[in-house]
């Protein structure tokens, strides 16, 4: 029996289980805190600090390689995440909800980072290199699809509950409880769908990773070729995106009188949860297929440009503030069979910016992910991939912490120009990286 049999059954949902907590903790929390009256500066600092578990996860990732199976790790962590989200929902009505919810989000963040380490290792252990390249687009797509489910469907639910109850506190409390139950259902599915590959006594390349010492895991990573340049690239590649992600939601929510676009919670959820999802799926699939067909060397530069240039769309939005041209209303039926009226403002310029940005992210991030897999090649690939993504998280956390202050100082229009300029260092460094041009290319036998 092949260890990588039926990957279509478990790869999509396993990666969905990584992306959804990440979205809730780092993205949806921004929308929630903005709607509950927290300032841009506090949002930028404290939600960026939630990246810290992903930054320091290399410190404990070797234990995931050494103790228990990766399957046991990610199932346990997913259950813990489910419980944490349920508790966050209970803390929101409290007077000191900001501190309490942040503390629980921290617990969820540590569990989510550990879940990512175990899931990444399971993926690289269960699939051949050729299949890793082929499923890269699927993996990235469902990870990002989970993030858009958070930023789309979950936000729409919160917006609907805000409209229904006229109480944002109650709406977000119920929303987080719903997210907890969704994660619990996903955990149960993964329990039954993922293969128990690490318990098999086989002699092929998919056998469990050899146990190595904690110190050797780190020393071998920092002995890799071009490690200084590689780390600089990883840290700077998402310099612009790290700031964009923190201030994009406040920009869309803030009134036009302060430079924003004046959208409602539902407007944002629908924009990202409909056309954004479609664009992301198409981009992610095409990205994985392109690398699988031609190799990473051909697509590295085009994918980086495709990922970053869509920032221009938000520069234009922030300077011209195009008006909404259509107010739409539609009905749907809730769980109690009651008709519910949903209304939202359709602004084609915003939808165009979202579609282009999501397609670019889905298509372009495939190259960065494939490069991280290349960096992790060798002994202790699970831990080395974790170390690489830890540096990536550090590159997201530090600029994100300053994003609120930079936006307040520059204003939204100039802020997005700065964000575009911040993508240049990573682009330049990418031209000096050395890797096999056909890396990730599917071998035709």
Protein backbone atom coordinates (compact mmCIF):
# COMPACT_ATOMS: atom_id res chain seq x y z
CA UNK A 1 0.00 0.00 0.00
CA UNK A 2 1.37 3.44 -0.96
CA UNK A 3 1.83 5.92 1.84
CA UNK A 4 0.72 8.74 -0.46
CA UNK A 5 -2.48 7.00 -1.60
CA UNK A 6 -5.68 9.05 -1.76
CA UNK A 7 -4.01 12.42 -0.99
CA UNK A 8 -7.08 14.20 -2.37
CA UNK A 9 -9.01 12.99 0.68
CA UNK A 10 -6.76 14.54 3.31
CA UNK A 11 -4.55 17.27 1.81
CA UNK A 12 -7.33 19.86 1.24
CA UNK A 13 -8.92 19.68 4.71
CA UNK A 14 -5.65 19.21 6.58
CA UNK A 15 -4.37 22.46 5.10
CA UNK A 16 -7.75 24.10 5.63
CA UNK A 17 -7.26 23.26 9.31
CA UNK A 18 -3.97 25.20 9.24
CA UNK A 19 -5.30 28.21 7.37
CA UNK A 20 -8.54 28.83 9.30
CA UNK A 21 -6.98 29.35 12.76
CA UNK A 22 -4.28 31.52 11.18
CA UNK A 23 -6.97 33.66 9.54
CA UNK A 24 -9.06 34.00 12.69
CA UNK A 25 -6.12 34.81 14.95
CA UNK A 26 -4.25 37.22 12.68
CA UNK A 27 -6.84 38.63 10.25
CA UNK A 28 -10.39 38.26 11.55
CA UNK A 29 -9.23 39.47 14.97
CA UNK A 30 -8.30 42.76 13.26
CA UNK A 31 -11.86 43.17 11.95
CA UNK A 32 -13.33 42.14 15.29
CA UNK A 33 -11.23 44.54 17.34
CA UNK A 34 -11.82 47.36 14.86
CA UNK A 35 -15.59 46.87 15.16
CA UNK A 36 -15.33 46.69 18.95
CA UNK A 37 -13.61 50.08 19.15
CA UNK A 38 -9.90 49.26 19.41
CA UNK A 39 -7.55 51.85 17.82
CA UNK A 40 -5.43 51.21 14.69
CA UNK A 41 -2.23 51.57 16.72
CA UNK A 42 -3.28 48.95 19.28
CA UNK A 43 -4.55 46.67 16.54
CA UNK A 44 -1.23 46.91 14.70
CA UNK A 45 0.88 46.21 17.78
CA UNK A 46 -1.06 43.52 19.58
CA UNK A 47 -2.39 41.50 16.66
CA UNK A 48 1.11 41.53 15.15
CA UNK A 49 2.48 40.15 18.42
CA UNK A 50 0.22 37.17 17.83
CA UNK A 51 2.72 36.20 15.10
CA UNK A 52 5.28 35.43 17.82
CA UNK A 53 4.40 31.72 18.19
CA UNK A 54 5.07 31.27 14.46
CA UNK A 55 8.36 33.15 14.88
CA UNK A 56 9.67 31.02 17.74
CA UNK A 57 8.12 27.70 16.72
CA UNK A 58 11.58 26.42 15.61
CA UNK A 59 12.46 26.31 19.33
CA UNK A 60 10.00 23.48 19.94
CA UNK A 61 9.54 22.06 16.43
CA UNK A 62 12.37 19.50 16.93
CA UNK A 63 10.26 17.90 19.67
CA UNK A 64 7.56 17.31 17.07
CA UNK A 65 10.16 15.47 15.00
CA UNK A 66 11.39 13.51 18.00
CA UNK A 67 8.32 12.72 20.13
CA UNK A 68 5.10 11.03 19.00
CA UNK A 69 3.82 11.04 15.43
CA UNK A 70 3.00 14.17 13.48
CA UNK A 71 -0.54 12.92 13.08
CA UNK A 72 -1.03 12.81 16.87
CA UNK A 73 0.46 16.28 17.15
CA UNK A 74 -1.80 18.00 14.64
CA UNK A 75 -4.97 16.27 15.87
CA UNK A 76 -4.25 17.30 19.47
CA UNK A 77 -3.44 20.88 18.47
CA UNK A 78 -6.56 21.21 16.35
CA UNK A 79 -8.70 20.10 19.29
CA UNK A 80 -6.99 22.67 21.53
CA UNK A 81 -7.63 25.39 18.95
CA UNK A 82 -11.33 24.49 18.88
CA UNK A 83 -11.58 24.88 22.65
CA UNK A 84 -9.65 28.17 22.60
CA UNK A 85 -12.03 29.77 20.08
CA UNK A 86 -15.01 28.72 22.17
CA UNK A 87 -13.45 30.42 25.20
CA UNK A 88 -12.69 33.60 23.22
CA UNK A 89 -16.37 33.79 22.38
CA UNK A 90 -17.20 33.68 26.09
CA UNK A 91 -14.71 36.45 26.99
CA UNK A 92 -15.93 39.04 24.49
CA UNK A 93 -18.93 40.24 26.57
CA UNK A 94 -16.62 40.89 29.55
CA UNK A 95 -15.40 44.39 30.43
CA UNK A 96 -11.73 43.45 30.05
CA UNK A 97 -12.36 41.41 26.88
CA UNK A 98 -9.37 42.86 24.99
CA UNK A 99 -6.75 41.49 27.40
CA UNK A 100 -8.60 38.20 28.00
CA UNK A 101 -9.28 37.47 24.34
CA UNK A 102 -5.68 38.29 23.41
CA UNK A 103 -4.46 35.85 26.06
CA UNK A 104 -6.64 33.05 24.69
CA UNK A 105 -5.66 33.94 21.12
CA UNK A 106 -2.05 33.47 22.25
CA UNK A 107 -2.83 29.94 23.40
CA UNK A 108 -4.59 29.27 20.09
CA UNK A 109 -1.64 30.78 18.22
CA UNK A 110 0.87 28.43 19.90
CA UNK A 111 -1.38 25.48 19.13
CA UNK A 112 -1.85 26.66 15.54
CA UNK A 113 1.89 27.10 15.01
CA UNK A 114 2.49 23.57 16.33
CA UNK A 115 -0.30 22.28 14.11
CA UNK A 116 1.44 23.88 11.11
CA UNK A 117 4.76 22.24 11.95
CA UNK A 118 3.18 18.80 12.26
CA UNK A 119 1.01 19.22 9.15
CA UNK A 120 3.95 20.45 7.04
CA UNK A 121 6.08 17.52 8.19
CA UNK A 122 3.26 15.07 7.52
CA UNK A 123 2.88 16.46 3.98
CA UNK A 124 6.59 16.14 3.17
CA UNK A 125 6.76 12.69 4.75
CA UNK A 126 3.69 11.26 3.05
CA UNK A 127 4.30 12.44 -0.53
CA UNK A 128 7.10 11.99 -3.04
CA UNK A 129 8.88 15.14 -4.24
CA UNK A 130 7.02 15.01 -7.55
CA UNK A 131 3.66 14.80 -5.81
CA UNK A 132 4.68 17.53 -3.39
CA UNK A 133 5.16 19.86 -6.36
CA UNK A 134 1.89 18.80 -7.99
CA UNK A 135 -0.17 19.20 -4.80
CA UNK A 136 1.57 22.44 -3.84
CA UNK A 137 -1.09 24.47 -5.64
CA UNK A 138 -3.88 22.47 -4.00
CA UNK A 139 -2.23 22.79 -0.61
CA UNK A 140 -1.68 26.54 -0.93
CA UNK A 141 -5.16 27.04 -2.38
CA UNK A 142 -6.97 25.32 0.49
CA UNK A 143 -4.79 27.07 3.03
CA UNK A 144 -5.67 30.40 1.50
CA UNK A 145 -9.26 29.27 0.95
CA UNK A 146 -9.48 28.71 4.69
CA UNK A 147 -8.16 32.21 5.26
CA UNK A 148 -10.78 33.60 2.92
CA UNK A 149 -13.43 31.54 4.67
CA UNK A 150 -12.41 33.39 7.81
CA UNK A 151 -12.24 36.78 6.11
CA UNK A 152 -15.31 35.98 3.99
CA UNK A 153 -17.92 33.61 5.38
CA UNK A 154 -17.08 34.12 9.06
CA UNK A 155 -17.08 37.89 8.64
CA UNK A 156 -20.40 37.73 6.77
CA UNK A 157 -21.84 35.74 9.67
CA UNK A 158 -20.57 38.36 12.11
CA UNK A 159 -22.05 41.12 9.94
CA UNK A 160 -25.40 39.35 9.78
CA UNK A 161 -25.43 38.90 13.56
CA UNK A 162 -24.54 42.58 14.01
CA UNK A 163 -27.53 43.46 11.86
CA UNK A 164 -29.82 40.97 13.60
CA UNK A 165 -29.01 41.90 17.19
CA UNK A 166 -27.84 45.50 16.79
CA UNK A 167 -25.07 44.55 19.21
CA UNK A 168 -21.52 44.05 17.92
CA UNK A 169 -20.37 42.48 21.17
CA UNK A 170 -23.02 39.77 21.09
CA UNK A 171 -22.49 39.25 17.34
CA UNK A 172 -18.76 38.62 17.66
CA UNK A 173 -19.21 36.47 20.76
CA UNK A 174 -21.55 34.15 18.88
CA UNK A 175 -19.31 34.21 15.82
CA UNK A 176 -16.26 32.98 17.74
CA UNK A 177 -18.30 30.18 19.30
CA UNK A 178 -19.39 29.13 15.79
CA UNK A 179 -15.74 29.11 14.68
CA UNK A 180 -14.90 26.83 17.61
CA UNK A 181 -17.52 24.31 16.54
CA UNK A 182 -16.33 24.46 12.91
CA UNK A 183 -12.77 23.66 14.01
CA UNK A 184 -14.05 20.74 16.10
CA UNK A 185 -15.83 19.26 13.06
CA UNK A 186 -12.67 19.67 10.95
CA UNK A 187 -10.62 17.91 13.63
CA UNK A 188 -12.98 14.94 13.59
CA UNK A 189 -12.76 14.73 9.79
CA UNK A 190 -8.96 14.79 9.87
CA UNK A 191 -8.94 12.05 12.48
CA UNK A 192 -10.71 9.69 10.08
CA UNK A 193 -9.19 10.85 6.77
CA UNK A 194 -5.43 11.14 7.39
CA UNK A 195 -3.35 7.95 6.95
CA UNK A 196 -1.26 6.57 9.79
CA UNK A 197 1.94 6.53 7.75
CA UNK A 198 4.39 6.89 10.62
CA UNK A 199 3.27 3.64 12.22
CA UNK A 200 4.17 1.57 9.16
CA UNK A 201 7.45 -0.34 9.22
CA UNK A 202 8.58 0.26 5.68
CA UNK A 203 12.01 0.69 4.20
CA UNK A 204 11.19 3.30 1.58
CA UNK A 205 11.81 7.05 1.57
CA UNK A 206 8.54 7.81 3.30
CA UNK A 207 9.55 6.14 6.56
CA UNK A 208 9.47 8.37 9.64
CA UNK A 209 12.23 10.95 9.90
CA UNK A 210 15.33 9.66 11.71
CA UNK A 211 15.67 10.99 15.24
CA UNK A 212 18.45 13.56 15.63
CA UNK A 213 19.59 15.74 18.51
CA UNK A 214 17.99 19.10 19.21
CA UNK A 215 21.27 20.97 18.64
CA UNK A 216 22.03 19.23 15.38
CA UNK A 217 18.66 20.25 13.95
CA UNK A 218 19.60 23.92 14.29
CA UNK A 219 23.28 23.64 13.39
CA UNK A 220 22.58 21.81 10.13
CA UNK A 221 20.03 24.44 9.11
CA UNK A 222 22.50 27.31 9.51
CA UNK A 223 25.11 25.36 7.52
CA UNK A 224 23.03 25.41 4.35
CA UNK A 225 24.35 27.13 1.22
CA UNK A 226 23.74 30.88 0.92
CA UNK A 227 22.07 30.80 4.35
CA UNK A 228 22.69 34.52 5.00
CA UNK A 229 21.14 35.54 1.70
CA UNK A 230 18.33 33.02 2.10
CA UNK A 231 17.38 34.36 5.54
CA UNK A 232 17.51 37.97 4.31
CA UNK A 233 15.18 37.04 1.45
CA UNK A 234 12.77 35.21 3.75
CA UNK A 235 12.67 38.15 6.18
CA UNK A 236 12.16 40.81 3.52
CA UNK A 237 9.99 39.02 0.96
CA UNK A 238 6.76 39.90 2.80
CA UNK A 239 7.86 43.30 4.14
CA UNK A 240 5.16 45.12 2.19
CA UNK A 241 2.47 42.46 2.59
CA UNK A 242 2.95 42.32 6.37
CA UNK A 243 1.90 45.97 6.64
CA UNK A 244 -0.81 45.75 3.99
CA UNK A 245 -2.61 42.90 5.76
CA UNK A 246 -2.83 44.79 9.05
CA UNK A 247 -4.14 48.08 7.69
CA UNK A 248 -6.22 46.93 4.71
CA UNK A 249 -9.28 46.06 6.81
CA UNK A 250 -9.21 49.35 8.76
CA UNK A 251 -8.90 51.15 5.40
CA UNK A 252 -11.98 49.40 4.03
CA UNK A 253 -13.99 49.98 7.23
CA UNK A 254 -13.00 53.58 8.08
CA UNK A 255 -15.23 56.37 6.80
CA UNK A 256 -14.18 58.35 3.75
CA UNK A 257 -13.82 61.42 5.96
CA UNK A 258 -10.66 59.82 7.40
CA UNK A 259 -9.47 58.32 4.13
CA UNK A 260 -11.20 54.93 4.26
CA UNK A 261 -13.78 53.33 2.00
CA UNK A 262 -16.69 53.14 4.46
CA UNK A 263 -17.64 49.49 3.97
CA UNK A 264 -19.69 47.47 6.42
CA UNK A 265 -18.61 44.16 7.96
CA UNK A 266 -20.87 42.32 5.53
CA UNK A 267 -19.47 44.23 2.54
CA UNK A 268 -15.95 43.04 3.38
CA UNK A 269 -17.05 39.47 4.02
CA UNK A 270 -18.94 39.23 0.74
CA UNK A 271 -16.12 40.79 -1.30
CA UNK A 272 -13.51 38.37 0.02
CA UNK A 273 -15.84 35.40 0.40
CA UNK A 274 -17.16 35.33 -3.18
CA UNK A 275 -15.08 36.72 -6.03
CA UNK A 276 -11.98 36.72 -3.85
CA UNK A 277 -12.33 32.98 -3.23
CA UNK A 278 -12.75 32.23 -6.94
CA UNK A 279 -9.72 34.32 -7.86
CA UNK A 280 -7.62 32.71 -5.16
CA UNK A 281 -8.51 29.16 -6.19
CA UNK A 282 -7.70 29.85 -9.83
CA UNK A 283 -4.42 31.56 -8.95
CA UNK A 284 -3.33 28.83 -6.55
CA UNK A 285 -4.10 26.03 -8.97
CA UNK A 286 -2.28 27.74 -11.83
CA UNK A 287 0.72 28.48 -9.59
CA UNK A 288 1.17 24.85 -8.55
CA UNK A 289 0.64 23.57 -12.09
CA UNK A 290 3.11 26.08 -13.54
CA UNK A 291 5.92 25.05 -11.16
CA UNK A 292 5.11 21.37 -11.62
CA UNK A 293 5.35 21.80 -15.39
CA UNK A 294 8.34 24.11 -15.80
CA UNK A 295 10.18 24.22 -12.48
CA UNK A 296 10.73 27.02 -9.98
CA UNK A 297 13.48 28.80 -11.92
CA UNK A 298 11.22 29.94 -14.75
CA UNK A 299 8.43 31.21 -12.51
CA UNK A 300 10.18 32.78 -9.51
CA UNK A 301 10.32 36.36 -10.85
CA UNK A 302 6.92 36.39 -12.62
CA UNK A 303 5.24 35.00 -9.51
CA UNK A 304 6.85 37.55 -7.19
CA UNK A 305 5.70 40.39 -9.46
CA UNK A 306 2.21 38.91 -9.74
CA UNK A 307 1.97 38.77 -5.97
CA UNK A 308 3.13 42.32 -5.22
CA UNK A 309 1.98 44.53 -8.11
CA UNK A 310 -1.74 44.31 -7.15
CA UNK A 311 -0.92 46.72 -4.29
CA UNK A 312 -1.25 49.40 -6.98
CA UNK A 313 -5.01 48.77 -6.91
CA UNK A 314 -5.23 49.88 -3.28
CA UNK A 315 -3.08 52.92 -4.02
CA UNK A 316 -5.65 53.95 -6.62
CA UNK A 317 -8.57 53.26 -4.28
CA UNK A 318 -7.03 55.34 -1.50
CA UNK A 319 -6.40 58.31 -3.80
CA UNK A 320 -9.60 58.37 -5.87
CA UNK A 321 -12.17 56.81 -3.50
CA UNK A 322 -14.55 55.61 -6.24
CA UNK A 323 -18.20 55.69 -5.26
CA UNK A 324 -20.51 52.72 -4.79
CA UNK A 325 -22.67 52.44 -7.91
CA UNK A 326 -25.20 49.86 -6.75
CA UNK A 327 -26.91 48.85 -3.51
CA UNK A 328 -27.96 45.21 -3.63
CA UNK A 329 -30.37 43.27 -1.42
CA UNK A 330 -30.93 39.55 -1.33
CA UNK A 331 -32.68 37.04 0.86
CA UNK A 332 -31.56 33.74 2.31
CA UNK A 333 -33.00 31.28 4.80
CA UNK A 334 -31.42 30.77 8.22
CA UNK A 335 -31.28 27.51 10.19
CA UNK A 336 -34.75 28.18 11.62
CA UNK A 337 -36.17 28.66 8.09
CA UNK A 338 -36.65 32.37 8.69
CA UNK A 339 -36.11 34.71 5.70
CA UNK A 340 -33.13 37.03 6.23
CA UNK A 341 -32.49 40.21 4.25
CA UNK A 342 -28.86 40.96 3.44
CA UNK A 343 -27.90 44.28 1.91
CA UNK A 344 -24.50 45.39 0.75
CA UNK A 345 -22.83 48.07 -1.32
CA UNK A 346 -21.39 46.97 -4.64
CA UNK A 347 -18.32 48.97 -5.61
CA UNK A 348 -16.75 47.47 -8.78
CA UNK A 349 -13.40 49.16 -8.13
CA UNK A 350 -13.07 47.49 -4.74
CA UNK A 351 -14.09 44.13 -6.17
CA UNK A 352 -11.55 44.50 -8.98
CA UNK A 353 -8.78 45.30 -6.50
CA UNK A 354 -9.72 42.32 -4.32
CA UNK A 355 -9.94 39.91 -7.28
CA UNK A 356 -6.57 40.93 -8.69
CA UNK A 357 -4.92 40.87 -5.26
CA UNK A 358 -6.28 37.43 -4.39
CA UNK A 359 -5.37 35.93 -7.77
CA UNK A 360 -1.87 37.40 -7.47
CA UNK A 361 -1.45 36.01 -3.97
CA UNK A 362 -2.66 32.53 -4.93
CA UNK A 363 -0.44 32.42 -8.01
CA UNK A 364 2.62 34.17 -6.58
CA UNK A 365 2.90 32.62 -3.13
CA UNK A 366 3.36 29.18 -4.71
CA UNK A 367 6.91 30.19 -5.66
CA UNK A 368 7.79 31.33 -2.15
CA UNK A 369 6.35 28.14 -0.63
CA UNK A 370 8.27 25.96 -3.08
CA UNK A 371 11.48 27.82 -2.27
CA UNK A 372 10.96 27.20 1.46
CA UNK A 373 10.51 23.49 0.73
CA UNK A 374 13.81 23.60 -1.19
CA UNK A 375 15.52 25.30 1.76
CA UNK A 376 14.21 22.57 4.08
CA UNK A 377 15.60 19.69 1.97
CA UNK A 378 17.81 17.22 3.79
CA UNK A 379 17.86 15.74 7.27
CA UNK A 380 15.14 16.98 9.67
CA UNK A 381 13.16 18.59 6.85
CA UNK A 382 10.16 19.13 9.13
CA UNK A 383 12.15 21.18 11.63
CA UNK A 384 14.08 23.01 8.92
CA UNK A 385 10.89 24.00 7.17
CA UNK A 386 9.61 25.20 10.53
CA UNK A 387 12.73 27.30 11.09
CA UNK A 388 12.36 28.85 7.64
CA UNK A 389 8.70 29.70 8.19
CA UNK A 390 9.61 31.02 11.65
CA UNK A 391 11.88 33.60 10.03
CA UNK A 392 9.06 34.36 7.60
CA UNK A 393 6.73 35.00 10.55
CA UNK A 394 9.32 37.31 12.10
CA UNK A 395 9.34 39.24 8.83
CA UNK A 396 5.57 39.56 9.16
CA UNK A 397 5.46 40.43 12.88
CA UNK A 398 7.93 43.30 13.21
CA UNK A 399 6.71 45.47 10.29
CA UNK A 400 3.11 44.69 11.20
CA UNK A 401 3.65 46.05 14.70
CA UNK A 402 4.64 49.42 13.24
CA UNK A 403 2.02 49.48 10.50
CA UNK A 404 -0.61 51.31 12.55
CA UNK A 405 1.78 54.11 13.44
CA UNK A 406 3.09 54.37 9.87
CA UNK A 407 -0.48 54.52 8.51
CA UNK A 408 -1.52 57.20 11.01
CA UNK A 409 1.54 59.28 10.10
CA UNK A 410 1.32 58.91 6.31
CA UNK A 411 -2.43 58.57 5.78
CA UNK A 412 -3.88 55.71 3.77
CA UNK A 413 -2.88 57.05 0.32
CA UNK A 414 0.82 57.46 1.05
CA UNK A 415 0.83 54.35 3.24
CA UNK A 416 -0.04 52.08 0.31
CA UNK A 417 2.68 53.72 -1.79
CA UNK A 418 5.14 52.94 1.00
CA UNK A 419 3.89 49.35 1.12
CA UNK A 420 4.57 48.92 -2.61
CA UNK A 421 8.09 50.31 -2.18
CA UNK A 422 8.67 47.90 0.70
CA UNK A 423 8.35 44.95 -1.72
CA UNK A 424 11.46 46.01 -3.66
CA UNK A 425 14.20 44.60 -1.33
CA UNK A 426 12.77 41.08 -1.51
CA UNK A 427 12.48 41.33 -5.28
CA UNK A 428 16.14 42.35 -5.60
CA UNK A 429 17.38 39.60 -3.28
CA UNK A 430 15.46 36.95 -5.22
CA UNK A 431 17.69 37.54 -8.24
CA UNK A 432 20.77 36.35 -6.31
CA UNK A 433 19.31 33.10 -4.97
CA UNK A 434 20.83 29.89 -6.32
CA UNK A 435 18.61 26.81 -6.65
CA UNK A 436 17.97 24.19 -9.34
CA UNK A 437 15.92 25.83 -12.08
CA UNK A 438 13.89 22.66 -12.53
CA UNK A 439 13.18 22.26 -8.80
CA UNK A 440 9.58 21.18 -8.31
CA UNK A 441 9.20 20.10 -11.93
CA UNK A 442 7.23 16.89 -12.29
CA UNK A 443 9.33 14.09 -13.66
CA UNK A 444 7.60 12.31 -16.56
CA UNK A 445 8.40 8.58 -16.37
